[in-house]
Amino acid sequence: MPASRPTAQPAGPLVVSGVSMHDLLASCAAAATISRPPRQPEPEKTEQAGRAEREQGHRRAA
């Protein structure tokens, strides 16, 4: 029986799924962004907005 020679492996990375690394990383980043709940507004900004709304209401009433 003759000795068989092993076949050479390709030099580059083996692509099995057909999805590029760029697309894979982009989809992971998008999924992480969507899965996070929206941030709560900072208290100082909320108080300033409330004051501005109250002042607008007083100006309209006057």
PDB file of N, CA and C in Angstrom:
ATOM      1  N   MET A   1       0.839  -1.170   0.000  1.00  0.00           N
ATOM      2  CA  MET A   1       0.000   0.000   0.000  1.00  0.00           C
ATOM      3  C   MET A   1       0.891   1.243   0.000  1.00  0.00           C
ATOM      4  N   PRO A   2       0.686   2.136  -0.966  1.00  0.00           N
ATOM      5  CA  PRO A   2       1.536   3.319  -1.034  1.00  0.00           C
ATOM      6  C   PRO A   2       1.170   4.308   0.071  1.00  0.00           C
ATOM      7  N   ALA A   3       2.158   4.996   0.564  1.00  0.00           N
ATOM      8  CA  ALA A   3       1.925   6.021   1.593  1.00  0.00           C
ATOM      9  C   ALA A   3       1.271   7.232   0.939  1.00  0.00           C
ATOM     10  N   SER A   4       0.192   7.687   1.531  1.00  0.00           N
ATOM     11  CA  SER A   4      -0.486   8.866   0.976  1.00  0.00           C
ATOM     12  C   SER A   4       0.052  10.119   1.646  1.00  0.00           C
ATOM     13  N   ARG A   5       0.168  11.134   0.853  1.00  0.00           N
ATOM     14  CA  ARG A   5       0.663  12.404   1.380  1.00  0.00           C
ATOM     15  C   ARG A   5      -0.519  13.229   1.884  1.00  0.00           C
ATOM     16  N   PRO A   6      -0.372  13.877   3.028  1.00  0.00           N
ATOM     17  CA  PRO A   6      -1.474  14.717   3.514  1.00  0.00           C
ATOM     18  C   PRO A   6      -1.707  15.896   2.568  1.00  0.00           C
ATOM     19  N   THR A   7      -2.956  16.265   2.438  1.00  0.00           N
ATOM     20  CA  THR A   7      -3.280  17.405   1.577  1.00  0.00           C
ATOM     21  C   THR A   7      -2.906  18.695   2.295  1.00  0.00           C
ATOM     22  N   ALA A   8      -2.489  19.669   1.551  1.00  0.00           N
ATOM     23  CA  ALA A   8      -2.086  20.958   2.124  1.00  0.00           C
ATOM     24  C   ALA A   8      -3.314  21.754   2.537  1.00  0.00           C
ATOM     25  N   GLN A   9      -3.226  22.389   3.679  1.00  0.00           N
ATOM     26  CA  GLN A   9      -4.298  23.266   4.170  1.00  0.00           C
ATOM     27  C   GLN A   9      -4.145  24.641   3.520  1.00  0.00           C
ATOM     28  N   PRO A  10      -5.248  25.343   3.274  1.00  0.00           N
ATOM     29  CA  PRO A  10      -5.135  26.697   2.723  1.00  0.00           C
ATOM     30  C   PRO A  10      -4.397  27.610   3.697  1.00  0.00           C
ATOM     31  N   ALA A  11      -3.688  28.592   3.161  1.00  0.00           N
ATOM     32  CA  ALA A  11      -2.867  29.475   3.982  1.00  0.00           C
ATOM     33  C   ALA A  11      -3.704  30.471   4.784  1.00  0.00           C
ATOM     34  N   GLY A  12      -4.840  30.909   4.267  1.00  0.00           N
ATOM     35  CA  GLY A  12      -5.648  31.938   4.928  1.00  0.00           C
ATOM     36  C   GLY A  12      -6.659  31.347   5.881  1.00  0.00           C
ATOM     37  N   PRO A  13      -7.466  32.215   6.510  1.00  0.00           N
ATOM     38  CA  PRO A  13      -8.506  31.730   7.420  1.00  0.00           C
ATOM     39  C   PRO A  13      -9.595  30.984   6.655  1.00  0.00           C
ATOM     40  N   LEU A  14     -10.134  29.995   7.276  1.00  0.00           N
ATOM     41  CA  LEU A  14     -11.172  29.185   6.661  1.00  0.00           C
ATOM     42  C   LEU A  14     -12.531  29.829   6.933  1.00  0.00           C
ATOM     43  N   VAL A  15     -13.268  30.156   5.888  1.00  0.00           N
ATOM     44  CA  VAL A  15     -14.582  30.768   6.023  1.00  0.00           C
ATOM     45  C   VAL A  15     -15.615  29.664   5.874  1.00  0.00           C
ATOM     46  N   VAL A  16     -16.354  29.432   6.941  1.00  0.00           N
ATOM     47  CA  VAL A  16     -17.339  28.364   6.912  1.00  0.00           C
ATOM     48  C   VAL A  16     -18.742  28.919   6.730  1.00  0.00           C
ATOM     49  N   SER A  17     -19.068  29.996   7.439  1.00  0.00           N
ATOM     50  CA  SER A  17     -20.437  30.485   7.446  1.00  0.00           C
ATOM     51  C   SER A  17     -20.774  31.414   6.281  1.00  0.00           C
ATOM     52  N   GLY A  18     -19.784  31.972   5.655  1.00  0.00           N
ATOM     53  CA  GLY A  18     -20.048  32.904   4.571  1.00  0.00           C
ATOM     54  C   GLY A  18     -20.345  34.310   5.059  1.00  0.00           C
ATOM     55  N   VAL A  19     -20.158  34.579   6.345  1.00  0.00           N
ATOM     56  CA  VAL A  19     -20.391  35.897   6.920  1.00  0.00           C
ATOM     57  C   VAL A  19     -19.030  36.527   7.192  1.00  0.00           C
ATOM     58  N   SER A  20     -18.845  37.745   6.738  1.00  0.00           N
ATOM     59  CA  SER A  20     -17.559  38.404   6.963  1.00  0.00           C
ATOM     60  C   SER A  20     -17.438  38.812   8.431  1.00  0.00           C
ATOM     61  N   MET A  21     -16.230  38.953   8.884  1.00  0.00           N
ATOM     62  CA  MET A  21     -15.983  39.357  10.272  1.00  0.00           C
ATOM     63  C   MET A  21     -16.575  40.738  10.524  1.00  0.00           C
ATOM     64  N   HIS A  22     -16.500  41.629   9.546  1.00  0.00           N
ATOM     65  CA  HIS A  22     -17.062  42.975   9.688  1.00  0.00           C
ATOM     66  C   HIS A  22     -18.565  42.904   9.945  1.00  0.00           C
ATOM     67  N   ASP A  23     -19.272  42.103   9.157  1.00  0.00           N
ATOM     68  CA  ASP A  23     -20.721  41.965   9.340  1.00  0.00           C
ATOM     69  C   ASP A  23     -21.054  41.332  10.683  1.00  0.00           C
ATOM     70  N   LEU A  24     -20.274  40.357  11.091  1.00  0.00           N
ATOM     71  CA  LEU A  24     -20.510  39.695  12.369  1.00  0.00           C
ATOM     72  C   LEU A  24     -20.332  40.668  13.525  1.00  0.00           C
ATOM     73  N   LEU A  25     -19.251  41.444  13.516  1.00  0.00           N
ATOM     74  CA  LEU A  25     -19.015  42.414  14.590  1.00  0.00           C
ATOM     75  C   LEU A  25     -20.063  43.526  14.576  1.00  0.00           C
ATOM     76  N   ALA A  26     -20.480  43.959  13.391  1.00  0.00           N
ATOM     77  CA  ALA A  26     -21.496  45.008  13.292  1.00  0.00           C
ATOM     78  C   ALA A  26     -22.825  44.519  13.849  1.00  0.00           C
ATOM     79  N   SER A  27     -23.186  43.277  13.578  1.00  0.00           N
ATOM     80  CA  SER A  27     -24.456  42.760  14.094  1.00  0.00           C
ATOM     81  C   SER A  27     -24.401  42.602  15.607  1.00  0.00           C
ATOM     82  N   CYS A  28     -23.251  42.217  16.142  1.00  0.00           N
ATOM     83  CA  CYS A  28     -23.114  42.109  17.600  1.00  0.00           C
ATOM     84  C   CYS A  28     -23.226  43.483  18.255  1.00  0.00           C
ATOM     85  N   ALA A  29     -22.611  44.491  17.663  1.00  0.00           N
ATOM     86  CA  ALA A  29     -22.685  45.841  18.212  1.00  0.00           C
ATOM     87  C   ALA A  29     -24.115  46.374  18.160  1.00  0.00           C
ATOM     88  N   ALA A  30     -24.812  46.116  17.064  1.00  0.00           N
ATOM     89  CA  ALA A  30     -26.197  46.567  16.937  1.00  0.00           C
ATOM     90  C   ALA A  30     -27.086  45.868  17.957  1.00  0.00           C
ATOM     91  N   ALA A  31     -26.894  44.585  18.150  1.00  0.00           N
ATOM     92  CA  ALA A  31     -27.694  43.842  19.125  1.00  0.00           C
ATOM     93  C   ALA A  31     -27.437  44.345  20.531  1.00  0.00           C
ATOM     94  N   ALA A  32     -26.206  44.657  20.851  1.00  0.00           N
ATOM     95  CA  ALA A  32     -25.885  45.173  22.184  1.00  0.00           C
ATOM     96  C   ALA A  32     -26.524  46.544  22.406  1.00  0.00           C
ATOM     97  N   THR A  33     -26.529  47.375  21.374  1.00  0.00           N
ATOM     98  CA  THR A  33     -27.129  48.710  21.488  1.00  0.00           C
ATOM     99  C   THR A  33     -28.633  48.614  21.678  1.00  0.00           C
ATOM    100  N   ILE A  34     -29.274  47.747  20.926  1.00  0.00           N
ATOM    101  CA  ILE A  34     -30.731  47.619  21.006  1.00  0.00           C
ATOM    102  C   ILE A  34     -31.159  47.001  22.323  1.00  0.00           C
ATOM    103  N   SER A  35     -30.364  46.096  22.867  1.00  0.00           N
ATOM    104  CA  SER A  35     -30.780  45.383  24.068  1.00  0.00           C
ATOM    105  C   SER A  35     -30.622  46.199  25.344  1.00  0.00           C
ATOM    106  N   ARG A  36     -29.924  47.327  25.284  1.00  0.00           N
ATOM    107  CA  ARG A  36     -29.763  48.172  26.473  1.00  0.00           C
ATOM    108  C   ARG A  36     -30.991  49.053  26.655  1.00  0.00           C
ATOM    109  N   PRO A  37     -31.461  49.216  27.899  1.00  0.00           N
ATOM    110  CA  PRO A  37     -32.580  50.132  28.123  1.00  0.00           C
ATOM    111  C   PRO A  37     -32.110  51.574  27.960  1.00  0.00           C
ATOM    112  N   PRO A  38     -33.011  52.492  27.650  1.00  0.00           N
ATOM    113  CA  PRO A  38     -32.606  53.892  27.500  1.00  0.00           C
ATOM    114  C   PRO A  38     -32.086  54.437  28.824  1.00  0.00           C
ATOM    115  N   ARG A  39     -31.152  55.359  28.740  1.00  0.00           N
ATOM    116  CA  ARG A  39     -30.586  55.962  29.949  1.00  0.00           C
ATOM    117  C   ARG A  39     -31.586  56.914  30.577  1.00  0.00           C
ATOM    118  N   GLN A  40     -31.564  56.956  31.897  1.00  0.00           N
ATOM    119  CA  GLN A  40     -32.392  57.915  32.625  1.00  0.00           C
ATOM    120  C   GLN A  40     -31.742  59.291  32.508  1.00  0.00           C
ATOM    121  N   PRO A  41     -32.537  60.359  32.385  1.00  0.00           N
ATOM    122  CA  PRO A  41     -31.942  61.695  32.306  1.00  0.00           C
ATOM    123  C   PRO A  41     -31.271  62.046  33.633  1.00  0.00           C
ATOM    124  N   GLU A  42     -30.256  62.867  33.552  1.00  0.00           N
ATOM    125  CA  GLU A  42     -29.550  63.287  34.749  1.00  0.00           C
ATOM    126  C   GLU A  42     -30.441  64.236  35.541  1.00  0.00           C
ATOM    127  N   PRO A  43     -30.403  64.175  36.872  1.00  0.00           N
ATOM    128  CA  PRO A  43     -31.311  64.983  37.705  1.00  0.00           C
ATOM    129  C   PRO A  43     -31.190  66.487  37.454  1.00  0.00           C
ATOM    130  N   GLU A  44     -29.960  67.017  37.256  1.00  0.00           N
ATOM    131  CA  GLU A  44     -29.831  68.465  37.050  1.00  0.00           C
ATOM    132  C   GLU A  44     -30.551  68.914  35.791  1.00  0.00           C
ATOM    133  N   LYS A  45     -30.431  68.119  34.732  1.00  0.00           N
ATOM    134  CA  LYS A  45     -31.066  68.490  33.474  1.00  0.00           C
ATOM    135  C   LYS A  45     -32.585  68.413  33.592  1.00  0.00           C
ATOM    136  N   THR A  46     -33.090  67.452  34.336  1.00  0.00           N
ATOM    137  CA  THR A  46     -34.529  67.320  34.528  1.00  0.00           C
ATOM    138  C   THR A  46     -35.073  68.508  35.309  1.00  0.00           C
ATOM    139  N   GLU A  47     -34.359  68.923  36.348  1.00  0.00           N
ATOM    140  CA  GLU A  47     -34.808  70.076  37.145  1.00  0.00           C
ATOM    141  C   GLU A  47     -34.786  71.346  36.310  1.00  0.00           C
ATOM    142  N   GLN A  48     -33.755  71.531  35.489  1.00  0.00           N
ATOM    143  CA  GLN A  48     -33.681  72.713  34.639  1.00  0.00           C
ATOM    144  C   GLN A  48     -34.816  72.718  33.623  1.00  0.00           C
ATOM    145  N   ALA A  49     -35.137  71.578  33.057  1.00  0.00           N
ATOM    146  CA  ALA A  49     -36.224  71.500  32.084  1.00  0.00           C
ATOM    147  C   ALA A  49     -37.558  71.797  32.760  1.00  0.00           C
ATOM    148  N   GLY A  50     -37.742  71.286  33.982  1.00  0.00           N
ATOM    149  CA  GLY A  50     -38.981  71.552  34.715  1.00  0.00           C
ATOM    150  C   GLY A  50     -39.135  73.023  35.033  1.00  0.00           C
ATOM    151  N   ARG A  51     -38.033  73.659  35.433  1.00  0.00           N
ATOM    152  CA  ARG A  51     -38.074  75.103  35.717  1.00  0.00           C
ATOM    153  C   ARG A  51     -38.425  75.883  34.456  1.00  0.00           C
ATOM    154  N   ALA A  52     -37.831  75.520  33.337  1.00  0.00           N
ATOM    155  CA  ALA A  52     -38.102  76.225  32.082  1.00  0.00           C
ATOM    156  C   ALA A  52     -39.565  76.067  31.683  1.00  0.00           C
ATOM    157  N   GLU A  53     -40.138  74.872  31.871  1.00  0.00           N
ATOM    158  CA  GLU A  53     -41.552  74.656  31.540  1.00  0.00           C
ATOM    159  C   GLU A  53     -42.458  75.482  32.450  1.00  0.00           C
ATOM    160  N   ARG A  54     -42.110  75.541  33.732  1.00  0.00           N
ATOM    161  CA  ARG A  54     -42.923  76.337  34.666  1.00  0.00           C
ATOM    162  C   ARG A  54     -42.860  77.811  34.301  1.00  0.00           C
ATOM    163  N   GLU A  55     -41.674  78.306  33.922  1.00  0.00           N
ATOM    164  CA  GLU A  55     -41.542  79.710  33.534  1.00  0.00           C
ATOM    165  C   GLU A  55     -42.352  79.984  32.277  1.00  0.00           C
ATOM    166  N   GLN A  56     -42.345  79.078  31.330  1.00  0.00           N
ATOM    167  CA  GLN A  56     -43.125  79.249  30.113  1.00  0.00           C
ATOM    168  C   GLN A  56     -44.608  79.303  30.455  1.00  0.00           C
ATOM    169  N   GLY A  57     -45.051  78.457  31.381  1.00  0.00           N
ATOM    170  CA  GLY A  57     -46.451  78.456  31.793  1.00  0.00           C
ATOM    171  C   GLY A  57     -46.846  79.748  32.454  1.00  0.00           C
ATOM    172  N   HIS A  58     -45.967  80.300  33.286  1.00  0.00           N
ATOM    173  CA  HIS A  58     -46.252  81.578  33.941  1.00  0.00           C
ATOM    174  C   HIS A  58     -46.291  82.706  32.933  1.00  0.00           C
ATOM    175  N   ARG A  59     -45.436  82.665  31.948  1.00  0.00           N
ATOM    176  CA  ARG A  59     -45.435  83.714  30.922  1.00  0.00           C
ATOM    177  C   ARG A  59     -46.715  83.659  30.093  1.00  0.00           C
ATOM    178  N   ARG A  60     -47.183  82.436  29.783  1.00  0.00           N
ATOM    179  CA  ARG A  60     -48.409  82.317  29.008  1.00  0.00           C
ATOM    180  C   ARG A  60     -49.614  82.804  29.794  1.00  0.00           C
ATOM    181  N   ALA A  61     -49.617  82.542  31.096  1.00  0.00           N
ATOM    182  CA  ALA A  61     -50.756  82.930  31.926  1.00  0.00           C
ATOM    183  C   ALA A  61     -50.811  84.444  32.110  1.00  0.00           C
ATOM    184  N   ALA A  62     -49.701  85.094  32.013  1.00  0.00           N
ATOM    185  CA  ALA A  62     -49.643  86.536  32.268  1.00  0.00           C
ATOM    186  C   ALA A  62     -50.138  87.363  31.118  1.00  0.00           C
TER     187      ALA A  62
END
